């Protein structure tokens, strides 16, 4: 039986990596990163191989010069197909993002920061896709995979593959440096710094050294702001009772996120001074004992949007503002951690 796909953390851009076993109906790819302020464009390709002329089943191409749009297309038999364009109001420059691409029987479903963005109908059978490539003006913190045979995440980091030779240029899209394509300009993409790894706290006895120790605490540099995303990979203990995540400020807890397996619910609340507010409990229990998970918290203008394994499960309206005062992340309880990206 095939093993679960290992995530890529902080890959160097341009990046090409293998999708182990290829895509299946239900496969979800979650890409977390940041678009820098100087961005002109970048693309994510789901490809059939890694060669120079490999077919590209899904080309996802945000562009920022002149006007902001997302171009999608397919490259097949040496030619680009008909472009599909969509106004880009969510994947903005100088902001962090989470991009979730889910394979369905008929299309690639694209969700950005927890909101449905578009569906792209298959032009090439998705089971031919075995490679993912990211090129251009973007910083990537993680690329993780959820296979229907192996739900969840939380596996050790895998280094990125060396960049493959450039892909044929789409009309209007600069080719990668070092290759000659007639009639297209070939500027070199600016070098993009990747996010540094979070410091690893010494592991607790009985856990591998690659794990983050629990209880875990870290500072949020500059505090939170709209567009900020926090991504956590971990594993729920087989006999877990509860765990919690706190986003704290100087005099309390702005977001207390508390999955309780003994009550089969997730409690959300805020603590101001010594006083707790009213609990929120709707939305179900997306975590499972003994199972890995990816927890994403995205800050929009009014709410924390909370995604588990790429699916939005809870929304919690801000009770503490300004967000920049929220400067501490704490995690404790019956879980192990493999990655915390703030």
C-alpha atoms as a PDB file:
ATOM      1  CA  UNK A   1       0.000   0.000   0.000  1.00  0.00           C
ATOM      2  CA  UNK A   2       1.291   3.496  -0.810  1.00  0.00           C
ATOM      3  CA  UNK A   3       2.465   5.666   2.087  1.00  0.00           C
ATOM      4  CA  UNK A   4       1.018   9.128   2.855  1.00  0.00           C
ATOM      5  CA  UNK A   5       2.450  12.130   1.008  1.00  0.00           C
ATOM      6  CA  UNK A   6       5.053  14.010   3.047  1.00  0.00           C
ATOM      7  CA  UNK A   7       4.658  17.822   3.115  1.00  0.00           C
ATOM      8  CA  UNK A   8       7.251  20.215   1.701  1.00  0.00           C
ATOM      9  CA  UNK A   9       8.283  23.011   4.073  1.00  0.00           C
ATOM     10  CA  UNK A  10       9.911  26.289   2.995  1.00  0.00           C
ATOM     11  CA  UNK A  11      10.796  25.101  -0.534  1.00  0.00           C
ATOM     12  CA  UNK A  12      13.167  27.219  -2.572  1.00  0.00           C
ATOM     13  CA  UNK A  13      11.372  28.893  -5.479  1.00  0.00           C
ATOM     14  CA  UNK A  14      11.315  27.870  -8.347  1.00  0.00           C
ATOM     15  CA  UNK A  15      10.241  24.501  -6.960  1.00  0.00           C
ATOM     16  CA  UNK A  16       9.236  21.167  -8.471  1.00  0.00           C
ATOM     17  CA  UNK A  17       8.066  18.216  -6.363  1.00  0.00           C
ATOM     18  CA  UNK A  18       6.590  14.788  -6.912  1.00  0.00           C
ATOM     19  CA  UNK A  19       3.008  13.946  -5.946  1.00  0.00           C
ATOM     20  CA  UNK A  20       3.391  10.389  -4.708  1.00  0.00           C
ATOM     21  CA  UNK A  21       0.889   8.073  -6.353  1.00  0.00           C
ATOM     22  CA  UNK A  22      -0.535  10.946  -8.432  1.00  0.00           C
ATOM     23  CA  UNK A  23      -3.868  12.666  -7.918  1.00  0.00           C
ATOM     24  CA  UNK A  24      -7.076  10.900  -6.958  1.00  0.00           C
ATOM     25  CA  UNK A  25     -10.676  11.990  -6.657  1.00  0.00           C
ATOM     26  CA  UNK A  26     -10.733  13.736  -3.271  1.00  0.00           C
ATOM     27  CA  UNK A  27      -7.040  14.624  -3.078  1.00  0.00           C
ATOM     28  CA  UNK A  28      -6.538  18.057  -1.463  1.00  0.00           C
ATOM     29  CA  UNK A  29      -3.380  20.172  -1.805  1.00  0.00           C
ATOM     30  CA  UNK A  30      -2.937  22.975   0.720  1.00  0.00           C
ATOM     31  CA  UNK A  31      -0.373  25.668  -0.080  1.00  0.00           C
ATOM     32  CA  UNK A  32       0.484  28.268   2.572  1.00  0.00           C
ATOM     33  CA  UNK A  33       2.647  31.274   1.840  1.00  0.00           C
ATOM     34  CA  UNK A  34       2.912  34.980   1.204  1.00  0.00           C
ATOM     35  CA  UNK A  35       2.757  37.183  -1.872  1.00  0.00           C
ATOM     36  CA  UNK A  36       5.489  39.864  -1.497  1.00  0.00           C
ATOM     37  CA  UNK A  37       4.749  43.537  -2.080  1.00  0.00           C
ATOM     38  CA  UNK A  38       6.855  43.647  -5.270  1.00  0.00           C
ATOM     39  CA  UNK A  39       5.072  40.681  -6.880  1.00  0.00           C
ATOM     40  CA  UNK A  40       4.432  40.772 -10.619  1.00  0.00           C
ATOM     41  CA  UNK A  41       3.095  37.214 -10.970  1.00  0.00           C
ATOM     42  CA  UNK A  42       3.597  33.610  -9.963  1.00  0.00           C
ATOM     43  CA  UNK A  43       2.100  30.282 -10.915  1.00  0.00           C
ATOM     44  CA  UNK A  44       1.252  26.885  -9.480  1.00  0.00           C
ATOM     45  CA  UNK A  45       1.234  24.033 -12.001  1.00  0.00           C
ATOM     46  CA  UNK A  46      -0.258  20.554 -11.600  1.00  0.00           C
ATOM     47  CA  UNK A  47       1.686  18.639 -14.247  1.00  0.00           C
ATOM     48  CA  UNK A  48       1.987  15.293 -15.967  1.00  0.00           C
ATOM     49  CA  UNK A  49       5.707  14.800 -15.335  1.00  0.00           C
ATOM     50  CA  UNK A  50       8.533  17.268 -14.764  1.00  0.00           C
ATOM     51  CA  UNK A  51      10.101  17.562 -18.216  1.00  0.00           C
ATOM     52  CA  UNK A  52      10.447  20.775 -20.203  1.00  0.00           C
ATOM     53  CA  UNK A  53       7.413  20.034 -22.393  1.00  0.00           C
ATOM     54  CA  UNK A  54       5.310  18.197 -19.798  1.00  0.00           C
ATOM     55  CA  UNK A  55       1.566  18.628 -20.097  1.00  0.00           C
ATOM     56  CA  UNK A  56       0.125  20.966 -17.446  1.00  0.00           C
ATOM     57  CA  UNK A  57      -3.352  19.904 -16.358  1.00  0.00           C
ATOM     58  CA  UNK A  58      -3.954  22.997 -14.198  1.00  0.00           C
ATOM     59  CA  UNK A  59      -2.002  26.262 -14.491  1.00  0.00           C
ATOM     60  CA  UNK A  60      -2.990  28.705 -11.713  1.00  0.00           C
ATOM     61  CA  UNK A  61      -1.431  32.106 -12.408  1.00  0.00           C
ATOM     62  CA  UNK A  62      -2.129  35.220 -10.267  1.00  0.00           C
ATOM     63  CA  UNK A  63      -0.926  38.434 -11.957  1.00  0.00           C
ATOM     64  CA  UNK A  64      -0.484  41.827 -10.287  1.00  0.00           C
ATOM     65  CA  UNK A  65       0.842  44.268 -12.888  1.00  0.00           C
ATOM     66  CA  UNK A  66      -1.597  46.696 -14.583  1.00  0.00           C
ATOM     67  CA  UNK A  67      -4.627  44.956 -13.082  1.00  0.00           C
ATOM     68  CA  UNK A  68      -4.938  42.076 -10.644  1.00  0.00           C
ATOM     69  CA  UNK A  69      -6.350  38.867 -12.067  1.00  0.00           C
ATOM     70  CA  UNK A  70      -5.908  35.105 -11.949  1.00  0.00           C
ATOM     71  CA  UNK A  71      -5.333  33.311 -15.251  1.00  0.00           C
ATOM     72  CA  UNK A  72      -5.963  29.560 -15.449  1.00  0.00           C
ATOM     73  CA  UNK A  73      -5.212  27.299 -18.391  1.00  0.00           C
ATOM     74  CA  UNK A  74      -4.010  23.892 -19.589  1.00  0.00           C
ATOM     75  CA  UNK A  75      -0.863  23.119 -21.612  1.00  0.00           C
ATOM     76  CA  UNK A  76      -1.237  20.008 -23.774  1.00  0.00           C
ATOM     77  CA  UNK A  77       0.634  18.590 -26.786  1.00  0.00           C
ATOM     78  CA  UNK A  78       2.930  21.613 -26.846  1.00  0.00           C
ATOM     79  CA  UNK A  79       0.154  24.228 -26.896  1.00  0.00           C
ATOM     80  CA  UNK A  80      -1.754  26.350 -24.401  1.00  0.00           C
ATOM     81  CA  UNK A  81      -5.522  26.143 -24.444  1.00  0.00           C
ATOM     82  CA  UNK A  82      -8.082  28.889 -23.972  1.00  0.00           C
ATOM     83  CA  UNK A  83      -7.414  31.064 -20.935  1.00  0.00           C
ATOM     84  CA  UNK A  84      -9.946  31.479 -18.160  1.00  0.00           C
ATOM     85  CA  UNK A  85      -9.593  34.748 -16.227  1.00  0.00           C
ATOM     86  CA  UNK A  86     -11.043  35.816 -12.911  1.00  0.00           C
ATOM     87  CA  UNK A  87     -10.734  39.067 -10.982  1.00  0.00           C
ATOM     88  CA  UNK A  88      -8.273  38.668  -8.100  1.00  0.00           C
ATOM     89  CA  UNK A  89      -9.682  40.402  -5.038  1.00  0.00           C
ATOM     90  CA  UNK A  90      -8.555  37.856  -2.416  1.00  0.00           C
ATOM     91  CA  UNK A  91      -4.994  36.733  -3.247  1.00  0.00           C
ATOM     92  CA  UNK A  92      -3.456  40.148  -2.723  1.00  0.00           C
ATOM     93  CA  UNK A  93       0.181  41.232  -2.684  1.00  0.00           C
ATOM     94  CA  UNK A  94       1.976  41.827   0.630  1.00  0.00           C
ATOM     95  CA  UNK A  95      -0.325  39.334   2.369  1.00  0.00           C
ATOM     96  CA  UNK A  96      -0.185  35.741   3.582  1.00  0.00           C
ATOM     97  CA  UNK A  97      -2.557  33.176   2.106  1.00  0.00           C
ATOM     98  CA  UNK A  98      -3.755  29.599   2.167  1.00  0.00           C
ATOM     99  CA  UNK A  99      -4.597  28.098  -1.226  1.00  0.00           C
ATOM    100  CA  UNK A 100      -6.550  24.837  -1.182  1.00  0.00           C
ATOM    101  CA  UNK A 101      -6.915  22.861  -4.428  1.00  0.00           C
ATOM    102  CA  UNK A 102      -9.273  19.885  -4.156  1.00  0.00           C
ATOM    103  CA  UNK A 103      -9.687  17.305  -6.926  1.00  0.00           C
ATOM    104  CA  UNK A 104     -13.281  16.375  -7.724  1.00  0.00           C
ATOM    105  CA  UNK A 105     -14.554  14.089 -10.453  1.00  0.00           C
ATOM    106  CA  UNK A 106     -15.323  17.039 -12.731  1.00  0.00           C
ATOM    107  CA  UNK A 107     -12.986  19.870 -11.710  1.00  0.00           C
ATOM    108  CA  UNK A 108     -10.297  21.386  -9.512  1.00  0.00           C
ATOM    109  CA  UNK A 109     -12.032  23.293  -6.719  1.00  0.00           C
ATOM    110  CA  UNK A 110     -10.006  26.295  -5.525  1.00  0.00           C
ATOM    111  CA  UNK A 111     -10.494  27.830  -2.067  1.00  0.00           C
ATOM    112  CA  UNK A 112      -8.442  30.873  -0.987  1.00  0.00           C
ATOM    113  CA  UNK A 113      -8.285  31.848   2.695  1.00  0.00           C
ATOM    114  CA  UNK A 114     -11.314  29.698   3.430  1.00  0.00           C
ATOM    115  CA  UNK A 115     -13.533  31.171   0.682  1.00  0.00           C
ATOM    116  CA  UNK A 116     -14.525  29.436  -2.551  1.00  0.00           C
ATOM    117  CA  UNK A 117     -12.743  31.148  -5.442  1.00  0.00           C
ATOM    118  CA  UNK A 118     -13.386  29.076  -8.572  1.00  0.00           C
ATOM    119  CA  UNK A 119     -13.855  25.670 -10.194  1.00  0.00           C
ATOM    120  CA  UNK A 120     -11.673  24.671 -13.147  1.00  0.00           C
ATOM    121  CA  UNK A 121     -13.076  21.827 -15.237  1.00  0.00           C
ATOM    122  CA  UNK A 122     -10.679  19.047 -16.172  1.00  0.00           C
ATOM    123  CA  UNK A 123      -9.201  19.183 -19.665  1.00  0.00           C
ATOM    124  CA  UNK A 124      -6.654  16.428 -18.915  1.00  0.00           C
ATOM    125  CA  UNK A 125      -7.553  13.380 -16.752  1.00  0.00           C
ATOM    126  CA  UNK A 126      -6.444  14.226 -13.218  1.00  0.00           C
ATOM    127  CA  UNK A 127      -4.986  10.744 -12.666  1.00  0.00           C
ATOM    128  CA  UNK A 128      -2.173  11.661 -15.091  1.00  0.00           C
ATOM    129  CA  UNK A 129      -0.923  14.396 -12.738  1.00  0.00           C
ATOM    130  CA  UNK A 130       2.126  13.429 -10.658  1.00  0.00           C
ATOM    131  CA  UNK A 131       4.065  16.704 -10.206  1.00  0.00           C
ATOM    132  CA  UNK A 132       3.533  20.117  -8.626  1.00  0.00           C
ATOM    133  CA  UNK A 133       5.601  23.182  -9.589  1.00  0.00           C
ATOM    134  CA  UNK A 134       5.673  26.707  -8.141  1.00  0.00           C
ATOM    135  CA  UNK A 135       7.475  29.527  -9.959  1.00  0.00           C
ATOM    136  CA  UNK A 136       7.623  33.311  -9.630  1.00  0.00           C
ATOM    137  CA  UNK A 137       7.141  36.042  -7.050  1.00  0.00           C
ATOM    138  CA  UNK A 138       5.901  34.098  -4.051  1.00  0.00           C
ATOM    139  CA  UNK A 139       7.171  32.789  -0.711  1.00  0.00           C
ATOM    140  CA  UNK A 140       5.936  29.321   0.301  1.00  0.00           C
ATOM    141  CA  UNK A 141       5.926  28.031   3.867  1.00  0.00           C
ATOM    142  CA  UNK A 142       4.326  24.638   3.212  1.00  0.00           C
ATOM    143  CA  UNK A 143       2.769  22.413   0.573  1.00  0.00           C
ATOM    144  CA  UNK A 144       0.808  19.607   2.203  1.00  0.00           C
ATOM    145  CA  UNK A 145      -1.423  16.879   0.858  1.00  0.00           C
ATOM    146  CA  UNK A 146      -4.554  15.105   2.005  1.00  0.00           C
ATOM    147  CA  UNK A 147      -5.180  11.828   0.253  1.00  0.00           C
ATOM    148  CA  UNK A 148      -8.608  10.191   0.656  1.00  0.00           C
ATOM    149  CA  UNK A 149      -6.765   7.021   1.726  1.00  0.00           C
ATOM    150  CA  UNK A 150      -4.768   8.935   4.357  1.00  0.00           C
ATOM    151  CA  UNK A 151      -6.888  11.761   5.804  1.00  0.00           C
ATOM    152  CA  UNK A 152      -5.021  14.432   7.745  1.00  0.00           C
ATOM    153  CA  UNK A 153      -1.489  15.745   7.915  1.00  0.00           C
ATOM    154  CA  UNK A 154       1.354  16.241  10.331  1.00  0.00           C
ATOM    155  CA  UNK A 155       4.291  14.360   8.831  1.00  0.00           C
ATOM    156  CA  UNK A 156       7.988  15.321   9.050  1.00  0.00           C
ATOM    157  CA  UNK A 157       9.397  17.817   6.595  1.00  0.00           C
ATOM    158  CA  UNK A 158      10.693  16.765   3.206  1.00  0.00           C
ATOM    159  CA  UNK A 159      13.255  18.861   1.336  1.00  0.00           C
ATOM    160  CA  UNK A 160      12.189  20.401  -1.960  1.00  0.00           C
ATOM    161  CA  UNK A 161      13.350  18.854  -5.205  1.00  0.00           C
ATOM    162  CA  UNK A 162      15.817  20.887  -7.258  1.00  0.00           C
ATOM    163  CA  UNK A 163      14.050  23.134  -9.739  1.00  0.00           C
ATOM    164  CA  UNK A 164      13.317  21.461 -13.054  1.00  0.00           C
ATOM    165  CA  UNK A 165      13.995  23.076 -16.422  1.00  0.00           C
ATOM    166  CA  UNK A 166      11.575  25.831 -17.367  1.00  0.00           C
ATOM    167  CA  UNK A 167       8.118  25.149 -18.669  1.00  0.00           C
ATOM    168  CA  UNK A 168       7.012  26.499 -22.019  1.00  0.00           C
ATOM    169  CA  UNK A 169       5.900  30.080 -21.658  1.00  0.00           C
ATOM    170  CA  UNK A 170       2.216  30.860 -21.835  1.00  0.00           C
ATOM    171  CA  UNK A 171       1.467  33.862 -24.017  1.00  0.00           C
ATOM    172  CA  UNK A 172       1.988  36.914 -21.844  1.00  0.00           C
ATOM    173  CA  UNK A 173       3.894  34.944 -19.176  1.00  0.00           C
ATOM    174  CA  UNK A 174       7.675  35.337 -18.983  1.00  0.00           C
ATOM    175  CA  UNK A 175       9.666  32.140 -19.437  1.00  0.00           C
ATOM    176  CA  UNK A 176      11.997  30.912 -16.697  1.00  0.00           C
ATOM    177  CA  UNK A 177      15.577  32.127 -17.137  1.00  0.00           C
ATOM    178  CA  UNK A 178      18.053  30.046 -19.087  1.00  0.00           C
ATOM    179  CA  UNK A 179      15.777  28.825 -21.884  1.00  0.00           C
ATOM    180  CA  UNK A 180      15.006  30.350 -25.234  1.00  0.00           C
ATOM    181  CA  UNK A 181      11.435  30.749 -26.367  1.00  0.00           C
ATOM    182  CA  UNK A 182      10.915  32.851 -29.461  1.00  0.00           C
ATOM    183  CA  UNK A 183       8.773  35.969 -29.229  1.00  0.00           C
ATOM    184  CA  UNK A 184       8.691  36.053 -25.416  1.00  0.00           C
ATOM    185  CA  UNK A 185      10.740  38.157 -23.033  1.00  0.00           C
ATOM    186  CA  UNK A 186      12.737  36.316 -20.403  1.00  0.00           C
ATOM    187  CA  UNK A 187      13.388  38.408 -17.274  1.00  0.00           C
ATOM    188  CA  UNK A 188      14.740  36.635 -14.226  1.00  0.00           C
ATOM    189  CA  UNK A 189      12.284  36.488 -11.336  1.00  0.00           C
ATOM    190  CA  UNK A 190      13.512  38.390  -8.252  1.00  0.00           C
ATOM    191  CA  UNK A 191      14.912  36.158  -5.536  1.00  0.00           C
ATOM    192  CA  UNK A 192      12.236  35.603  -2.868  1.00  0.00           C
ATOM    193  CA  UNK A 193      13.268  34.911   0.708  1.00  0.00           C
ATOM    194  CA  UNK A 194      11.470  31.961   2.293  1.00  0.00           C
ATOM    195  CA  UNK A 195      10.042  32.042   5.778  1.00  0.00           C
ATOM    196  CA  UNK A 196      12.502  30.797   8.393  1.00  0.00           C
ATOM    197  CA  UNK A 197      11.734  27.630  10.310  1.00  0.00           C
ATOM    198  CA  UNK A 198      10.235  28.254  13.726  1.00  0.00           C
ATOM    199  CA  UNK A 199      12.674  27.444  16.530  1.00  0.00           C
ATOM    200  CA  UNK A 200      12.150  23.918  17.810  1.00  0.00           C
ATOM    201  CA  UNK A 201      11.696  23.599  21.559  1.00  0.00           C
ATOM    202  CA  UNK A 202      13.439  20.504  22.987  1.00  0.00           C
ATOM    203  CA  UNK A 203      11.176  17.493  22.676  1.00  0.00           C
ATOM    204  CA  UNK A 204       9.422  15.884  25.611  1.00  0.00           C
ATOM    205  CA  UNK A 205      10.656  12.442  26.681  1.00  0.00           C
ATOM    206  CA  UNK A 206       9.141   9.749  24.509  1.00  0.00           C
ATOM    207  CA  UNK A 207       8.604  11.988  21.460  1.00  0.00           C
ATOM    208  CA  UNK A 208      10.939  12.154  18.445  1.00  0.00           C
ATOM    209  CA  UNK A 209      13.342  15.105  18.471  1.00  0.00           C
ATOM    210  CA  UNK A 210      11.654  16.516  15.351  1.00  0.00           C
ATOM    211  CA  UNK A 211       8.488  17.202  17.368  1.00  0.00           C
ATOM    212  CA  UNK A 212       7.693  20.553  18.987  1.00  0.00           C
ATOM    213  CA  UNK A 213       7.337  20.168  22.738  1.00  0.00           C
ATOM    214  CA  UNK A 214       3.842  20.527  24.198  1.00  0.00           C
ATOM    215  CA  UNK A 215       2.967  22.797  26.015  1.00  0.00           C
ATOM    216  CA  UNK A 216       4.201  25.128  23.261  1.00  0.00           C
ATOM    217  CA  UNK A 217       4.457  28.923  23.345  1.00  0.00           C
ATOM    218  CA  UNK A 218       5.772  31.421  20.805  1.00  0.00           C
ATOM    219  CA  UNK A 219       5.573  35.145  20.098  1.00  0.00           C
ATOM    220  CA  UNK A 220       3.762  36.568  17.063  1.00  0.00           C
ATOM    221  CA  UNK A 221       6.115  39.191  15.670  1.00  0.00           C
ATOM    222  CA  UNK A 222       4.181  42.434  15.223  1.00  0.00           C
ATOM    223  CA  UNK A 223       0.936  40.838  16.373  1.00  0.00           C
ATOM    224  CA  UNK A 224      -1.946  39.756  14.167  1.00  0.00           C
ATOM    225  CA  UNK A 225      -3.511  41.668  11.276  1.00  0.00           C
ATOM    226  CA  UNK A 226      -6.017  41.003   8.479  1.00  0.00           C
ATOM    227  CA  UNK A 227      -4.431  38.578   6.034  1.00  0.00           C
ATOM    228  CA  UNK A 228      -2.310  36.848   8.681  1.00  0.00           C
ATOM    229  CA  UNK A 229      -2.412  33.037   8.670  1.00  0.00           C
ATOM    230  CA  UNK A 230      -1.217  30.557  11.289  1.00  0.00           C
ATOM    231  CA  UNK A 231      -0.776  26.914  10.227  1.00  0.00           C
ATOM    232  CA  UNK A 232      -0.247  24.040  12.669  1.00  0.00           C
ATOM    233  CA  UNK A 233       0.465  20.385  11.831  1.00  0.00           C
ATOM    234  CA  UNK A 234       0.104  17.794  14.572  1.00  0.00           C
ATOM    235  CA  UNK A 235      -1.352  14.522  15.722  1.00  0.00           C
ATOM    236  CA  UNK A 236      -4.097  13.857  18.262  1.00  0.00           C
ATOM    237  CA  UNK A 237      -3.121  11.306  20.919  1.00  0.00           C
ATOM    238  CA  UNK A 238      -5.062   8.003  20.698  1.00  0.00           C
ATOM    239  CA  UNK A 239      -6.659   8.509  24.133  1.00  0.00           C
ATOM    240  CA  UNK A 240      -6.974  12.291  23.907  1.00  0.00           C
ATOM    241  CA  UNK A 241      -9.361  14.078  26.231  1.00  0.00           C
ATOM    242  CA  UNK A 242      -8.813  17.732  25.215  1.00  0.00           C
ATOM    243  CA  UNK A 243      -6.330  20.190  23.750  1.00  0.00           C
ATOM    244  CA  UNK A 244      -6.368  23.951  23.376  1.00  0.00           C
ATOM    245  CA  UNK A 245      -4.934  26.811  21.386  1.00  0.00           C
ATOM    246  CA  UNK A 246      -4.834  30.334  22.816  1.00  0.00           C
ATOM    247  CA  UNK A 247      -4.152  33.542  20.906  1.00  0.00           C
ATOM    248  CA  UNK A 248      -3.347  35.885  23.778  1.00  0.00           C
ATOM    249  CA  UNK A 249      -2.798  39.570  24.456  1.00  0.00           C
ATOM    250  CA  UNK A 250      -1.416  41.373  27.525  1.00  0.00           C
ATOM    251  CA  UNK A 251      -4.551  41.107  29.650  1.00  0.00           C
ATOM    252  CA  UNK A 252      -6.319  38.029  28.363  1.00  0.00           C
ATOM    253  CA  UNK A 253      -7.058  35.546  25.576  1.00  0.00           C
ATOM    254  CA  UNK A 254      -8.515  36.843  22.310  1.00  0.00           C
ATOM    255  CA  UNK A 255      -9.241  33.344  20.941  1.00  0.00           C
ATOM    256  CA  UNK A 256      -9.484  30.232  23.084  1.00  0.00           C
ATOM    257  CA  UNK A 257      -9.915  27.260  20.719  1.00  0.00           C
ATOM    258  CA  UNK A 258     -10.591  24.084  22.703  1.00  0.00           C
ATOM    259  CA  UNK A 259     -11.481  20.719  21.063  1.00  0.00           C
ATOM    260  CA  UNK A 260     -13.026  18.469  23.721  1.00  0.00           C
ATOM    261  CA  UNK A 261     -13.250  14.800  22.794  1.00  0.00           C
ATOM    262  CA  UNK A 262     -15.047  13.969  26.047  1.00  0.00           C
ATOM    263  CA  UNK A 263     -17.858  16.319  24.967  1.00  0.00           C
ATOM    264  CA  UNK A 264     -17.462  15.822  21.184  1.00  0.00           C
ATOM    265  CA  UNK A 265     -17.352  19.567  20.535  1.00  0.00           C
ATOM    266  CA  UNK A 266     -14.989  22.500  19.994  1.00  0.00           C
ATOM    267  CA  UNK A 267     -15.407  25.381  22.452  1.00  0.00           C
ATOM    268  CA  UNK A 268     -14.428  28.922  21.404  1.00  0.00           C
ATOM    269  CA  UNK A 269     -14.268  31.815  23.818  1.00  0.00           C
ATOM    270  CA  UNK A 270     -12.490  35.019  24.877  1.00  0.00           C
ATOM    271  CA  UNK A 271     -11.021  35.922  28.260  1.00  0.00           C
ATOM    272  CA  UNK A 272     -10.807  39.628  29.143  1.00  0.00           C
ATOM    273  CA  UNK A 273      -8.939  40.153  32.383  1.00  0.00           C
ATOM    274  CA  UNK A 274     -10.172  37.384  34.677  1.00  0.00           C
ATOM    275  CA  UNK A 275     -13.571  37.061  32.992  1.00  0.00           C
ATOM    276  CA  UNK A 276     -14.550  34.541  30.325  1.00  0.00           C
ATOM    277  CA  UNK A 277     -17.194  35.522  27.787  1.00  0.00           C
ATOM    278  CA  UNK A 278     -20.002  33.401  26.355  1.00  0.00           C
ATOM    279  CA  UNK A 279     -18.912  30.104  24.798  1.00  0.00           C
ATOM    280  CA  UNK A 280     -19.508  29.172  21.169  1.00  0.00           C
ATOM    281  CA  UNK A 281     -19.950  25.436  20.521  1.00  0.00           C
ATOM    282  CA  UNK A 282     -21.598  25.043  17.087  1.00  0.00           C
ATOM    283  CA  UNK A 283     -19.826  23.576  14.062  1.00  0.00           C
ATOM    284  CA  UNK A 284     -19.135  19.987  15.032  1.00  0.00           C
ATOM    285  CA  UNK A 285     -15.906  18.154  15.903  1.00  0.00           C
ATOM    286  CA  UNK A 286     -13.455  17.956  12.946  1.00  0.00           C
ATOM    287  CA  UNK A 287     -10.632  16.254  14.914  1.00  0.00           C
ATOM    288  CA  UNK A 288     -10.282  12.518  15.590  1.00  0.00           C
ATOM    289  CA  UNK A 289      -8.381  10.633  18.252  1.00  0.00           C
ATOM    290  CA  UNK A 290      -5.182   9.080  16.931  1.00  0.00           C
ATOM    291  CA  UNK A 291      -5.347  11.043  13.660  1.00  0.00           C
ATOM    292  CA  UNK A 292      -3.011  13.718  12.214  1.00  0.00           C
ATOM    293  CA  UNK A 293      -4.403  17.151  11.402  1.00  0.00           C
ATOM    294  CA  UNK A 294      -3.634  20.500   9.831  1.00  0.00           C
ATOM    295  CA  UNK A 295      -5.183  23.462  11.664  1.00  0.00           C
ATOM    296  CA  UNK A 296      -5.219  26.831   9.882  1.00  0.00           C
ATOM    297  CA  UNK A 297      -6.351  30.106  11.459  1.00  0.00           C
ATOM    298  CA  UNK A 298      -6.817  32.962   9.005  1.00  0.00           C
ATOM    299  CA  UNK A 299      -7.527  36.558  10.065  1.00  0.00           C
ATOM    300  CA  UNK A 300      -9.935  38.483   7.846  1.00  0.00           C
ATOM    301  CA  UNK A 301     -11.382  41.943   8.485  1.00  0.00           C
ATOM    302  CA  UNK A 302     -13.881  40.817  11.117  1.00  0.00           C
ATOM    303  CA  UNK A 303     -13.309  37.161  12.035  1.00  0.00           C
ATOM    304  CA  UNK A 304     -10.931  34.314  12.699  1.00  0.00           C
ATOM    305  CA  UNK A 305     -11.606  31.760   9.953  1.00  0.00           C
ATOM    306  CA  UNK A 306     -10.619  28.307  11.200  1.00  0.00           C
ATOM    307  CA  UNK A 307      -9.892  25.445   8.783  1.00  0.00           C
ATOM    308  CA  UNK A 308      -9.141  21.827   9.676  1.00  0.00           C
ATOM    309  CA  UNK A 309      -7.481  19.725   6.969  1.00  0.00           C
ATOM    310  CA  UNK A 310      -8.287  22.462   4.458  1.00  0.00           C
ATOM    311  CA  UNK A 311     -12.011  22.635   5.238  1.00  0.00           C
ATOM    312  CA  UNK A 312     -13.480  25.671   6.997  1.00  0.00           C
ATOM    313  CA  UNK A 313     -15.117  24.441  10.202  1.00  0.00           C
ATOM    314  CA  UNK A 314     -15.551  27.504  12.434  1.00  0.00           C
ATOM    315  CA  UNK A 315     -15.760  31.303  12.248  1.00  0.00           C
ATOM    316  CA  UNK A 316     -15.168  33.399  15.375  1.00  0.00           C
ATOM    317  CA  UNK A 317     -15.899  37.121  15.330  1.00  0.00           C
ATOM    318  CA  UNK A 318     -13.252  39.322  16.922  1.00  0.00           C
ATOM    319  CA  UNK A 319     -14.009  40.366  20.487  1.00  0.00           C
ATOM    320  CA  UNK A 320     -10.573  41.953  21.066  1.00  0.00           C
ATOM    321  CA  UNK A 321      -9.141  44.687  18.823  1.00  0.00           C
ATOM    322  CA  UNK A 322      -6.820  45.998  17.521  1.00  0.00           C
ATOM    323  CA  UNK A 323      -5.437  42.683  16.287  1.00  0.00           C
ATOM    324  CA  UNK A 324      -1.823  43.876  16.594  1.00  0.00           C
ATOM    325  CA  UNK A 325      -2.188  43.538  20.395  1.00  0.00           C
ATOM    326  CA  UNK A 326      -2.569  39.755  20.004  1.00  0.00           C
ATOM    327  CA  UNK A 327       1.085  38.691  20.187  1.00  0.00           C
ATOM    328  CA  UNK A 328       1.289  35.214  21.741  1.00  0.00           C
ATOM    329  CA  UNK A 329       0.357  31.704  20.574  1.00  0.00           C
ATOM    330  CA  UNK A 330       0.033  28.915  23.148  1.00  0.00           C
ATOM    331  CA  UNK A 331      -0.812  25.252  22.519  1.00  0.00           C
ATOM    332  CA  UNK A 332      -1.237  22.527  25.129  1.00  0.00           C
ATOM    333  CA  UNK A 333      -3.092  19.302  25.759  1.00  0.00           C
ATOM    334  CA  UNK A 334      -3.300  15.803  24.312  1.00  0.00           C
ATOM    335  CA  UNK A 335      -1.514  16.332  20.983  1.00  0.00           C
ATOM    336  CA  UNK A 336       1.973  16.236  19.497  1.00  0.00           C
ATOM    337  CA  UNK A 337       3.192  18.933  17.114  1.00  0.00           C
ATOM    338  CA  UNK A 338       5.339  18.564  13.993  1.00  0.00           C
ATOM    339  CA  UNK A 339       5.118  22.093  12.559  1.00  0.00           C
ATOM    340  CA  UNK A 340       3.993  25.532  13.706  1.00  0.00           C
ATOM    341  CA  UNK A 341       4.094  28.354  11.135  1.00  0.00           C
ATOM    342  CA  UNK A 342       3.257  31.854  12.382  1.00  0.00           C
END
